[in-house]
Amino acid sequence: MIATTIRPLIVERHHPQITRIRHICMREGHERTGLFYIEGTRFLTQAMQHQAQIEALVVCRDLLVHPFTQKLVYMHEQQKTPLLEVSADVMESISQVPDSQGIGALVQQRWQRLEQVRIRKKLCWLAIETIRSPGNLGTILRTSDAVGGAGVLLLGNSTDPYDPGTVRATMGAMFTQRFVRTSIAELASWKRRKQYQLVGTSPTATQDYHAVRYTAPTILLIGEERKGLSVELQSMCDLMVSIPMVGESDSLNVAMATSMMLYELFNQQRATI
């Protein structure tokens, strides 16, 4: 049996450290602290595999039913990771899922500066104007990981990659992705210097996305869910393509359209190997 250190059990939902976790799950909180909250064995395992910096573990012993999860807790105890022991009621009060596995963690966010970005060894980067739906953004990050994408350039402050809904939707894939916060003007200047191909999509574009040969390295530009790419960003693109539609719908979900573009890039690259 794995020996554990006895710690005070937090049983109050409004304990200061529990209130802090709830605050960190809000945008103002995770932007101010530079932390975000993850929950579950899969997310903690991914965080460890990609050497994310874990500030503290949150554990409910009564819910730790899986031996592997118990082993993860023991490993962090041996590494002297700060650990908060909480009751099942308290764990439920901060849980983002219906059936908690009894483990969560506060993790340091990871950001890069635009001048640090190198894309030649990866399939592509995504540049995102605005995505408001956490689920859409999480799906896009998960697909980017699936095809070997490097990460996202976030244009402005409207898109929040550390929203709890986004984090959950990535299924842990966010730990493979890099994040850069920049501006449209900085992106334009950086693109001119680096000569990267910038590709956008629009229903009015004349070129079919499947009929184009994309040249590496590529940056795939994604617009706002309802309005698509702004005129300013369309004018920056080296290439504008459309995804053909024959039904009565006039647009695709942004996560679906981005996934189709990512897999087109991926399949073209595979064909050259």
Protein backbone atom coordinates (compact mmCIF):
# COMPACT_ATOMS: atom_id res chain seq x y z
CA MET A 1 0.00 0.00 0.00
CA ILE A 2 1.29 3.50 -0.87
CA ALA A 3 2.04 5.58 2.22
CA THR A 4 0.68 9.11 2.29
CA THR A 5 1.41 12.21 4.30
CA ILE A 6 -1.44 13.32 6.55
CA ARG A 7 -2.54 16.90 5.79
CA PRO A 8 -5.35 19.06 7.11
CA LEU A 9 -8.56 18.27 5.22
CA ILE A 10 -10.30 21.26 3.63
CA VAL A 11 -14.03 20.80 4.20
CA GLU A 12 -15.29 24.37 3.68
CA ARG A 13 -16.37 25.39 0.19
CA HIS A 14 -15.38 28.97 0.94
CA HIS A 15 -11.92 28.18 2.28
CA PRO A 16 -9.52 30.87 0.94
CA GLN A 17 -7.54 28.41 -1.18
CA ILE A 18 -10.73 27.01 -2.72
CA THR A 19 -12.03 30.50 -3.41
CA ARG A 20 -8.70 31.24 -5.12
CA ILE A 21 -9.13 28.23 -7.44
CA ARG A 22 -12.61 29.41 -8.44
CA HIS A 23 -11.17 32.86 -9.13
CA ILE A 24 -8.43 31.36 -11.30
CA CYS A 25 -11.11 29.58 -13.34
CA MET A 26 -12.46 33.02 -14.29
CA ARG A 27 -10.71 34.99 -17.01
CA GLU A 28 -9.65 37.87 -14.76
CA GLY A 29 -8.20 35.38 -12.32
CA HIS A 30 -6.15 33.28 -14.70
CA GLU A 31 -4.92 36.34 -16.57
CA ARG A 32 -3.83 38.03 -13.35
CA THR A 33 -2.12 34.97 -11.83
CA GLY A 34 -0.75 33.31 -14.96
CA LEU A 35 -2.24 30.02 -13.73
CA PHE A 36 -5.06 27.78 -14.93
CA TYR A 37 -6.90 24.82 -13.45
CA ILE A 38 -6.99 21.28 -14.86
CA GLU A 39 -8.87 18.26 -13.60
CA GLY A 40 -8.60 14.54 -14.15
CA THR A 41 -5.96 11.88 -14.70
CA ARG A 42 -5.63 12.46 -18.45
CA PHE A 43 -4.93 16.18 -18.05
CA LEU A 44 -2.45 15.73 -15.22
CA THR A 45 -0.61 13.00 -17.14
CA GLN A 46 -0.36 15.24 -20.23
CA ALA A 47 0.87 18.13 -18.09
CA MET A 48 3.60 15.95 -16.62
CA GLN A 49 4.62 14.48 -19.98
CA HIS A 50 5.12 17.98 -21.40
CA GLN A 51 6.87 19.27 -18.27
CA ALA A 52 4.26 21.85 -17.40
CA GLN A 53 4.96 23.62 -14.14
CA ILE A 54 2.44 22.46 -11.53
CA GLU A 55 1.95 24.93 -8.70
CA ALA A 56 -0.31 22.75 -6.53
CA LEU A 57 -2.28 19.52 -6.62
CA VAL A 58 -5.88 19.28 -5.40
CA VAL A 59 -6.78 15.82 -4.13
CA CYS A 60 -9.87 14.11 -2.72
CA ARG A 61 -8.75 10.74 -1.36
CA ASP A 62 -12.32 9.39 -1.24
CA LEU A 63 -12.59 9.77 -5.04
CA LEU A 64 -9.17 8.35 -5.94
CA VAL A 65 -10.42 4.95 -7.03
CA HIS A 66 -7.99 4.27 -9.89
CA PRO A 67 -4.54 2.87 -8.90
CA PHE A 68 -2.79 4.94 -11.59
CA THR A 69 -4.32 8.15 -10.24
CA GLN A 70 -3.21 7.17 -6.74
CA LYS A 71 0.30 6.62 -8.10
CA LEU A 72 0.29 10.10 -9.69
CA VAL A 73 -0.53 11.63 -6.32
CA TYR A 74 2.24 9.64 -4.65
CA MET A 75 4.75 10.76 -7.30
CA HIS A 76 3.90 14.40 -6.64
CA GLU A 77 4.16 13.88 -2.91
CA GLN A 78 7.66 12.51 -3.40
CA GLN A 79 8.50 15.56 -5.52
CA LYS A 80 7.24 17.85 -2.73
CA THR A 81 4.53 19.37 -4.91
CA PRO A 82 2.21 21.46 -2.69
CA LEU A 83 -0.96 19.45 -2.16
CA LEU A 84 -4.42 20.48 -1.00
CA GLU A 85 -6.49 17.69 0.57
CA VAL A 86 -10.20 18.37 0.12
CA SER A 87 -13.47 16.64 0.95
CA ALA A 88 -15.72 15.18 -1.75
CA ASP A 89 -18.13 18.09 -1.26
CA VAL A 90 -15.38 20.66 -1.79
CA MET A 91 -14.02 18.79 -4.82
CA GLU A 92 -17.51 18.79 -6.31
CA SER A 93 -17.80 22.54 -5.74
CA ILE A 94 -14.78 23.28 -7.97
CA SER A 95 -15.16 20.39 -10.41
CA GLN A 96 -15.80 21.15 -14.07
CA VAL A 97 -17.08 17.63 -14.82
CA PRO A 98 -20.02 15.54 -13.50
CA ASP A 99 -17.93 12.66 -12.11
CA SER A 100 -14.71 13.90 -10.57
CA GLN A 101 -11.72 11.56 -10.48
CA GLY A 102 -10.57 13.23 -7.29
CA ILE A 103 -7.56 15.04 -8.71
CA GLY A 104 -6.93 18.50 -10.10
CA ALA A 105 -4.02 20.91 -10.38
CA LEU A 106 -3.08 24.55 -10.72
CA VAL A 107 -0.67 24.86 -13.65
CA GLN A 108 1.49 27.68 -14.97
CA GLN A 109 0.44 29.07 -18.35
CA ARG A 110 3.05 29.00 -21.11
CA TRP A 111 3.39 31.87 -23.58
CA GLN A 112 5.94 32.76 -26.24
CA ARG A 113 6.83 36.04 -27.93
CA LEU A 114 6.24 36.35 -31.66
CA GLU A 115 9.95 36.74 -32.40
CA GLN A 116 10.55 33.31 -30.81
CA VAL A 117 8.25 31.52 -33.26
CA ARG A 118 9.85 29.09 -35.71
CA ILE A 119 7.47 27.07 -37.89
CA ARG A 120 9.67 25.23 -40.36
CA LYS A 121 9.77 22.02 -38.33
CA LYS A 122 6.00 21.92 -37.83
CA LEU A 123 3.06 21.57 -40.19
CA CYS A 124 1.78 25.09 -39.54
CA TRP A 125 0.71 27.72 -37.06
CA LEU A 126 -2.81 29.05 -36.68
CA ALA A 127 -3.47 32.79 -36.47
CA ILE A 128 -6.81 33.52 -34.77
CA GLU A 129 -8.61 36.83 -35.09
CA THR A 130 -11.46 36.08 -32.67
CA ILE A 131 -13.02 32.87 -31.40
CA ARG A 132 -15.58 33.38 -28.65
CA SER A 133 -16.75 29.80 -28.12
CA PRO A 134 -14.51 27.85 -25.72
CA GLY A 135 -15.67 24.59 -27.28
CA ASN A 136 -14.75 25.72 -30.79
CA LEU A 137 -11.31 26.89 -29.69
CA GLY A 138 -10.66 23.68 -27.76
CA THR A 139 -11.64 21.57 -30.77
CA ILE A 140 -9.32 23.60 -33.01
CA LEU A 141 -6.40 23.11 -30.61
CA ARG A 142 -7.12 19.39 -30.38
CA THR A 143 -7.15 19.07 -34.18
CA SER A 144 -3.97 21.13 -34.50
CA ASP A 145 -2.26 18.70 -32.16
CA ALA A 146 -3.61 15.73 -34.12
CA VAL A 147 -2.00 16.89 -37.38
CA GLY A 148 1.24 18.16 -35.87
CA GLY A 149 0.45 21.88 -35.77
CA ALA A 150 2.66 24.03 -33.59
CA GLY A 151 0.20 26.38 -31.92
CA VAL A 152 -1.73 29.63 -32.26
CA LEU A 153 -1.01 33.30 -32.74
CA LEU A 154 -3.81 35.14 -30.93
CA LEU A 155 -4.52 38.53 -32.51
CA GLY A 156 -5.61 40.85 -29.71
CA ASN A 157 -7.15 39.96 -26.36
CA SER A 158 -10.58 38.64 -27.31
CA THR A 159 -9.67 34.93 -27.47
CA ASP A 160 -8.99 33.08 -24.20
CA PRO A 161 -7.11 29.77 -24.59
CA TYR A 162 -7.16 29.14 -20.82
CA ASP A 163 -10.92 29.32 -20.40
CA PRO A 164 -11.97 26.15 -18.49
CA GLY A 165 -14.29 25.15 -21.35
CA THR A 166 -11.45 25.46 -23.85
CA VAL A 167 -9.10 23.49 -21.63
CA ARG A 168 -11.64 20.66 -21.27
CA ALA A 169 -12.38 20.56 -25.01
CA THR A 170 -8.69 20.07 -25.85
CA MET A 171 -8.66 16.76 -23.95
CA GLY A 172 -5.13 17.58 -22.84
CA ALA A 173 -3.85 18.48 -26.32
CA MET A 174 -3.26 22.09 -25.25
CA PHE A 175 -0.02 21.01 -23.59
CA THR A 176 1.45 20.29 -27.03
CA GLN A 177 0.44 23.69 -28.41
CA ARG A 178 2.30 26.99 -28.08
CA PHE A 179 0.55 30.30 -27.53
CA VAL A 180 1.53 33.77 -28.69
CA ARG A 181 -0.39 36.99 -28.02
CA THR A 182 0.26 39.58 -30.72
CA SER A 183 -1.47 42.20 -32.88
CA ILE A 184 -2.49 42.41 -36.53
CA ALA A 185 0.18 45.05 -37.18
CA GLU A 186 2.89 42.90 -35.57
CA LEU A 187 1.75 39.85 -37.53
CA ALA A 188 1.92 41.80 -40.81
CA SER A 189 5.44 43.05 -40.08
CA TRP A 190 6.63 39.61 -38.93
CA LYS A 191 5.15 37.91 -42.01
CA ARG A 192 6.94 40.33 -44.36
CA ARG A 193 10.27 39.63 -42.68
CA LYS A 194 9.88 35.84 -42.55
CA GLN A 195 8.11 35.29 -45.89
CA TYR A 196 5.68 32.78 -44.44
CA GLN A 197 2.62 31.89 -46.52
CA LEU A 198 -0.57 33.26 -44.96
CA VAL A 199 -3.77 31.44 -45.99
CA GLY A 200 -7.34 32.51 -45.24
CA THR A 201 -10.78 31.13 -46.04
CA SER A 202 -13.92 32.85 -47.29
CA PRO A 203 -17.16 31.63 -48.93
CA THR A 204 -16.55 34.20 -51.68
CA ALA A 205 -13.01 33.07 -52.51
CA THR A 206 -12.67 31.69 -56.05
CA GLN A 207 -10.12 28.95 -55.34
CA ASP A 208 -11.24 25.59 -53.95
CA TYR A 209 -9.24 24.70 -50.83
CA HIS A 210 -8.66 21.16 -52.14
CA ALA A 211 -7.36 22.31 -55.54
CA VAL A 212 -4.52 24.43 -54.15
CA ARG A 213 -0.97 23.30 -53.38
CA TYR A 214 0.12 24.87 -50.10
CA THR A 215 3.77 25.78 -49.66
CA ALA A 216 5.48 25.35 -46.33
CA PRO A 217 5.77 27.07 -44.00
CA THR A 218 2.10 28.03 -43.71
CA ILE A 219 0.08 30.15 -41.31
CA LEU A 220 -3.64 29.42 -41.44
CA LEU A 221 -5.68 32.52 -40.59
CA ILE A 222 -9.02 32.03 -38.81
CA GLY A 223 -11.71 34.69 -38.49
CA GLU A 224 -14.57 35.34 -36.10
CA GLU A 225 -17.32 32.69 -35.87
CA ARG A 226 -20.15 34.71 -37.40
CA LYS A 227 -18.40 37.34 -39.55
CA GLY A 228 -15.37 35.44 -40.79
CA LEU A 229 -12.10 37.20 -41.60
CA SER A 230 -12.07 40.97 -41.51
CA VAL A 231 -11.25 42.85 -44.72
CA GLU A 232 -7.95 43.95 -43.19
CA LEU A 233 -6.84 40.36 -42.60
CA GLN A 234 -8.07 39.14 -45.96
CA SER A 235 -5.88 41.76 -47.61
CA MET A 236 -2.85 40.36 -45.76
CA CYS A 237 -3.35 36.82 -47.07
CA ASP A 238 -1.21 35.40 -49.84
CA LEU A 239 -4.02 33.02 -50.66
CA MET A 240 -7.78 32.98 -50.05
CA VAL A 241 -9.64 29.69 -50.52
CA SER A 242 -13.19 28.47 -50.13
CA ILE A 243 -14.66 25.19 -48.90
CA PRO A 244 -17.40 24.19 -51.36
CA MET A 245 -20.94 23.65 -50.09
CA VAL A 246 -23.91 22.29 -52.06
CA GLY A 247 -26.59 22.22 -49.37
CA GLU A 248 -28.75 25.02 -48.05
CA SER A 249 -26.43 26.05 -45.19
CA ASP A 250 -24.40 29.15 -45.97
CA SER A 251 -21.45 28.45 -43.67
CA LEU A 252 -19.59 25.83 -41.67
CA ASN A 253 -18.80 25.83 -37.97
CA VAL A 254 -15.41 27.50 -37.54
CA ALA A 255 -13.91 24.48 -35.77
CA MET A 256 -15.09 22.15 -38.54
CA ALA A 257 -13.79 24.43 -41.31
CA THR A 258 -10.43 24.81 -39.57
CA SER A 259 -10.18 21.04 -39.10
CA MET A 260 -10.79 20.49 -42.81
CA MET A 261 -8.06 22.99 -43.70
CA LEU A 262 -5.63 21.44 -41.24
CA TYR A 263 -6.18 17.96 -42.62
CA GLU A 264 -5.77 19.23 -46.18
CA LEU A 265 -2.36 20.64 -45.21
CA PHE A 266 -1.55 17.42 -43.39
CA ASN A 267 -2.54 15.15 -46.29
CA GLN A 268 -0.59 17.24 -48.81
CA GLN A 269 2.48 16.98 -46.63
CA ARG A 270 2.06 13.21 -46.25
CA ALA A 271 1.81 12.85 -50.02
CA THR A 272 5.29 14.35 -50.45
CA ILE A 273 7.02 12.04 -47.98
